[in-house]
Protein backbone atom coordinates (compact mmCIF):
# COMPACT_ATOMS: atom_id res chain seq x y z
CA MET A 1 -0.13 -0.16 0.16
CA ARG A 2 1.49 3.57 -1.17
CA ARG A 3 0.57 6.60 -0.19
CA LEU A 4 1.56 10.13 -1.79
CA ARG A 5 2.47 12.88 0.70
CA GLN A 6 3.18 16.74 0.04
CA PHE A 7 5.77 18.34 2.38
CA LEU A 8 3.98 21.74 1.93
CA PHE A 9 6.40 24.20 3.71
CA VAL A 10 9.80 25.61 2.70
CA ALA A 11 12.69 25.12 5.29
CA THR A 12 14.81 28.53 5.27
CA ALA A 13 18.74 28.11 5.73
CA ALA A 14 21.61 30.44 5.14
CA LEU A 15 24.74 28.53 5.71
CA SER A 16 27.82 28.73 3.70
CA LEU A 17 30.11 25.85 3.15
CA ALA A 18 32.06 24.24 0.27
CA SER A 19 30.47 21.83 -1.58
CA ALA A 20 30.78 18.30 -2.67
CA ALA A 21 30.40 15.49 -5.14
CA PRO A 22 27.02 14.32 -6.30
CA SER A 23 25.14 11.47 -4.27
CA LEU A 24 22.05 10.22 -3.67
CA ALA A 25 21.09 9.62 0.10
CA GLN A 26 19.63 6.35 1.02
CA TYR A 27 19.27 5.03 4.66
CA GLY A 28 20.63 8.47 5.90
CA GLY A 29 22.88 8.56 2.75
CA GLY A 30 25.99 10.46 1.98
CA ALA A 31 28.05 10.84 -1.03
CA ASN A 32 28.65 7.94 -3.47
CA GLY A 33 25.10 6.86 -2.78
CA PRO A 34 23.14 4.03 -5.15
CA GLY A 35 22.57 5.26 -8.49
CA THR A 36 25.76 7.75 -8.42
CA PRO A 37 29.30 6.38 -10.11
CA GLN A 38 32.50 7.03 -7.66
CA HIS A 39 34.86 9.07 -9.08
CA GLY A 40 37.79 6.88 -10.88
CA ALA A 41 35.57 3.82 -10.74
CA PRO A 42 35.51 1.84 -13.62
CA PRO A 43 32.39 1.98 -16.10
CA SER A 44 29.69 -0.76 -14.84
CA THR A 45 28.80 -3.74 -16.72
CA ASP A 46 25.80 -4.96 -17.51
CA GLN A 47 26.43 -7.82 -15.19
CA ASP A 48 27.27 -5.37 -12.59
CA ASP A 49 23.94 -3.68 -13.39
CA ALA A 50 22.01 -6.87 -12.86
CA ARG A 51 23.64 -7.49 -9.62
CA LYS A 52 23.48 -4.40 -8.23
CA LYS A 53 19.58 -3.95 -9.14
CA LYS A 54 19.04 -7.71 -7.49
CA ARG A 55 20.82 -5.63 -4.36
CA ASP A 56 18.84 -3.02 -4.23
CA GLU A 57 15.48 -4.33 -4.63
CA GLU A 58 16.14 -6.96 -1.49
CA PHE A 59 17.48 -3.79 0.40
CA GLY A 60 14.64 -1.69 -0.86
CA ASN A 61 12.30 -4.38 1.06
CA GLY A 62 10.00 -3.69 -2.30
CA ASN A 63 9.96 0.03 -2.53
CA ALA A 64 10.07 1.34 -5.94
CA PRO A 65 13.16 2.82 -6.35
CA LEU A 66 13.85 6.71 -6.57
CA PRO A 67 15.52 8.02 -9.25
CA ALA A 68 18.92 8.63 -9.36
CA LEU A 69 19.75 12.49 -9.43
CA LYS A 70 23.21 14.17 -10.16
CA ASN A 71 23.59 17.40 -8.11
CA ALA A 72 26.19 20.50 -6.91
CA GLY A 73 26.73 18.58 -3.67
CA PRO A 74 25.68 15.64 -0.95
CA CYS A 75 22.63 15.31 -0.50
CA PRO A 76 20.68 15.74 3.53
CA PHE A 77 20.90 12.74 5.56
CA VAL A 78 17.55 11.91 6.02
CA LYS A 79 17.28 9.22 9.45
CA VAL A 80 14.70 8.48 11.63
CA LEU A 81 14.81 9.92 15.37
CA TYR A 82 15.58 6.92 17.54
CA ASP A 83 13.15 7.88 20.31
CA ALA A 84 10.48 8.33 17.87
CA ALA A 85 11.15 5.21 15.63
CA ARG A 86 8.33 2.91 17.27
CA TYR A 87 4.78 3.40 18.19
CA VAL A 88 3.96 0.97 21.16
CA GLU A 89 0.42 1.89 22.84
CA PHE A 90 -0.09 0.03 26.41
CA LYS A 91 -3.57 -0.08 27.92
CA ASP A 92 -3.68 2.34 31.13
CA ASN A 93 0.35 2.76 30.39
CA VAL A 94 1.39 -0.74 32.00
CA GLN A 95 4.26 -2.34 29.87
CA ALA A 96 3.30 -5.65 29.35
CA SER A 97 2.90 -7.83 26.65
CA ALA A 98 -0.81 -8.12 27.62
CA ASN A 99 -1.54 -4.83 27.44
CA VAL A 100 -0.20 -4.17 24.01
CA GLY A 101 -2.77 -1.74 21.95
CA TYR A 102 -1.49 -0.72 18.11
CA THR A 103 2.18 -0.90 17.19
CA GLY A 104 4.17 0.50 14.63
CA GLU A 105 8.09 0.64 13.40
CA ILE A 106 9.80 2.79 10.16
CA GLU A 107 11.48 0.02 8.92
CA ASN A 108 13.26 1.55 5.75
CA ILE A 109 13.92 4.99 4.20
CA THR A 110 15.12 5.78 0.79
CA SER A 111 15.69 9.15 -0.29
CA ALA A 112 17.10 11.57 -3.06
CA CYS A 113 17.58 15.13 -3.83
CA GLU A 114 18.04 17.44 -6.53
CA TYR A 115 19.69 20.97 -6.59
CA LYS A 116 22.62 22.48 -9.13
CA GLY A 117 23.87 26.42 -9.08
CA LEU A 118 21.78 28.66 -7.05
CA GLU A 119 18.52 26.40 -6.89
CA PRO A 120 17.12 24.90 -3.74
CA ILE A 121 17.69 21.78 -2.24
CA LYS A 122 14.98 19.51 -3.36
CA VAL A 123 14.07 16.15 -1.18
CA GLN A 124 12.02 13.42 -1.46
CA ALA A 125 11.69 10.42 0.28
CA GLN A 126 10.29 7.10 0.51
CA VAL A 127 9.10 5.99 4.16
CA LEU A 128 8.44 2.06 5.09
CA PHE A 129 5.96 1.80 7.92
CA GLU A 130 5.37 -1.98 9.81
CA LEU A 131 1.67 -1.63 11.54
CA GLY A 132 0.52 -4.15 13.81
CA ARG A 133 -2.54 -4.76 16.47
CA GLY A 134 -2.25 -6.55 19.80
CA PRO A 135 -4.55 -8.13 22.11
CA GLN A 136 -6.00 -4.55 23.39
CA ALA A 137 -6.57 -3.14 20.06
CA THR A 138 -10.20 -2.48 20.03
CA SER A 139 -10.97 -1.94 16.27
CA ASN A 140 -9.72 -2.88 12.99
CA ARG A 141 -8.80 0.70 12.12
CA LYS A 142 -6.37 2.96 13.33
CA ALA A 143 -4.79 6.51 12.56
CA TYR A 144 -1.42 6.75 13.32
CA VAL A 145 0.18 10.35 13.08
CA TYR A 146 3.92 10.76 11.94
CA TRP A 147 5.96 13.80 10.97
CA VAL A 148 8.89 15.20 9.14
CA ALA A 149 11.15 17.92 10.17
CA VAL A 150 14.18 19.67 8.50
CA THR A 151 17.08 20.66 10.64
CA ASP A 152 20.42 22.40 9.89
CA ARG A 153 23.63 21.00 11.50
CA ASN A 154 23.39 22.29 14.96
CA HIS A 155 20.41 20.63 15.13
CA ALA A 156 17.93 23.89 14.78
CA VAL A 157 14.47 23.08 13.76
CA LEU A 158 13.93 24.89 10.47
CA ALA A 159 10.53 23.53 9.76
CA LYS A 160 8.08 20.33 10.54
CA GLN A 161 4.99 18.82 9.18
CA SER A 162 2.72 15.99 10.96
CA PHE A 163 0.72 13.68 8.63
CA GLU A 164 -1.86 11.37 9.31
CA LEU A 165 -1.19 7.25 8.45
CA PRO A 166 -5.10 5.74 8.28
CA VAL A 167 -4.45 2.19 8.54
CA VAL A 168 -7.35 -0.74 8.10
CA PHE A 169 -6.42 -4.27 9.30
CA PRO A 170 -7.89 -7.17 6.80
CA ALA A 171 -9.95 -9.36 9.19
CA ASN A 172 -7.79 -12.18 10.98
CA VAL A 173 -4.33 -9.77 10.26
CA ASP A 174 -2.61 -8.05 12.55
CA ARG A 175 0.15 -6.35 10.93
CA VAL A 176 0.06 -4.51 7.91
CA SER A 177 3.03 -2.77 5.38
CA VAL A 178 2.11 0.87 4.30
CA THR A 179 4.76 2.95 1.89
CA GLU A 180 4.67 6.49 2.16
CA HIS A 181 5.98 8.83 -0.88
CA VAL A 182 7.26 12.12 0.67
CA THR A 183 7.69 14.84 -1.89
CA GLY A 184 7.77 18.90 -1.51
CA VAL A 185 10.95 19.31 0.95
CA THR A 186 12.52 22.37 -0.29
CA ILE A 187 15.79 24.03 1.87
CA PRO A 188 16.62 27.11 -0.07
CA ARG A 189 20.30 27.97 -0.43
CA ALA A 190 22.11 31.52 0.73
CA ASN A 191 24.44 30.87 -2.11
CA ALA A 192 26.22 27.89 -4.38
CA ASN A 193 28.61 27.36 -1.48
CA VAL A 194 25.83 25.98 0.88
CA SER A 195 25.42 21.94 0.26
CA GLY A 196 22.79 19.38 1.28
CA GLY A 197 25.17 18.06 3.59
CA ASN A 198 24.59 20.98 6.32
CA PHE A 199 21.17 19.70 6.91
CA GLU A 200 19.15 16.51 8.12
CA VAL A 201 15.76 15.07 7.52
CA LEU A 202 14.18 13.34 10.46
CA VAL A 203 10.97 10.99 10.08
CA GLY A 204 8.90 10.01 13.25
CA PHE A 205 6.06 9.02 14.82
CA GLN A 206 3.96 11.25 16.81
CA VAL A 207 4.50 9.54 20.28
CA THR A 208 3.83 10.30 24.09
CA PRO A 209 6.24 10.88 26.24
CA GLU A 210 6.15 7.90 28.10
CA MET A 211 6.16 6.03 24.18
CA ALA A 212 9.50 7.98 24.06
CA ALA A 213 10.91 6.82 27.22
CA PHE A 214 10.09 3.20 26.26
CA ASN A 215 11.84 3.62 23.24
CA HIS A 216 14.81 5.39 24.35
CA ASP A 217 15.24 2.49 26.88
CA GLY A 218 15.42 -0.09 23.86
CA LYS A 219 12.37 -1.95 25.08
CA ARG A 220 10.30 -3.51 22.34
CA PHE A 221 7.25 -5.58 21.94
CA ARG A 222 6.40 -7.54 18.54
CA ALA A 223 3.21 -6.33 16.67
CA ASN A 224 1.71 -9.39 17.73
CA ALA A 225 2.88 -8.78 21.43
CA GLY A 226 0.70 -10.87 24.37
CA GLN A 227 -1.15 -12.96 21.82
CA THR A 228 -1.75 -16.44 23.01
CA ALA A 229 0.99 -19.01 21.91
CA PRO A 230 -0.17 -22.70 20.31
CA LYS A 231 0.35 -24.77 23.92
CA ALA A 232 3.30 -27.37 23.38
CA PRO A 233 2.11 -31.15 23.80
CA PRO A 234 2.26 -32.60 27.43
CA ALA A 235 5.61 -34.48 27.54
CA LYS A 236 5.66 -38.66 27.51
CA PRO A 237 6.19 -40.14 30.86
């Protein structure tokens, strides 16, 4: 299931650093990302291209590939904020597997950017969500909320926007995958020396302070946490 989200604001920036080599960012990315040739690298063969395509398909968990774009410098890093990477609801805030309601996890981010000359940096991203319901889920429908933010290298938030992610769980299914395609992230540049490496694009669930603390401590439950496991047959005497 795939949805298109338009990032409706423009982040403002006024940094000035030297530009670097073109790149495509993936999982936080950086220079020489997938689809961008390294300087001095030999030309690829058909066999190399086939291996790369297979690897990218496996690495991307089935996400459609984003275009490889040549830029005046590196792309912004695109990351998941650790404390907001997972969403786990507990009935009455009691952290037990039997109390799990709805869950979610950001499994994969693939991103690309484009800019040259004095043009602003334009970023697009695909975000893969794994969403689940536990024993305390009260419906087969759930409206999750996630956000996308642009920050500078000093981690000041330049712009942020939230999106609703409505999900319907089919009958007898406790886990679904949803891919969101976020476009329209635009970062102006003060001059041609400002590169995408000065910025980060962060993604996360809208979580409560209790959820953030749960994530920060590294705790986790599976999407079907709390459901009764089949009993093992009794041991023979």
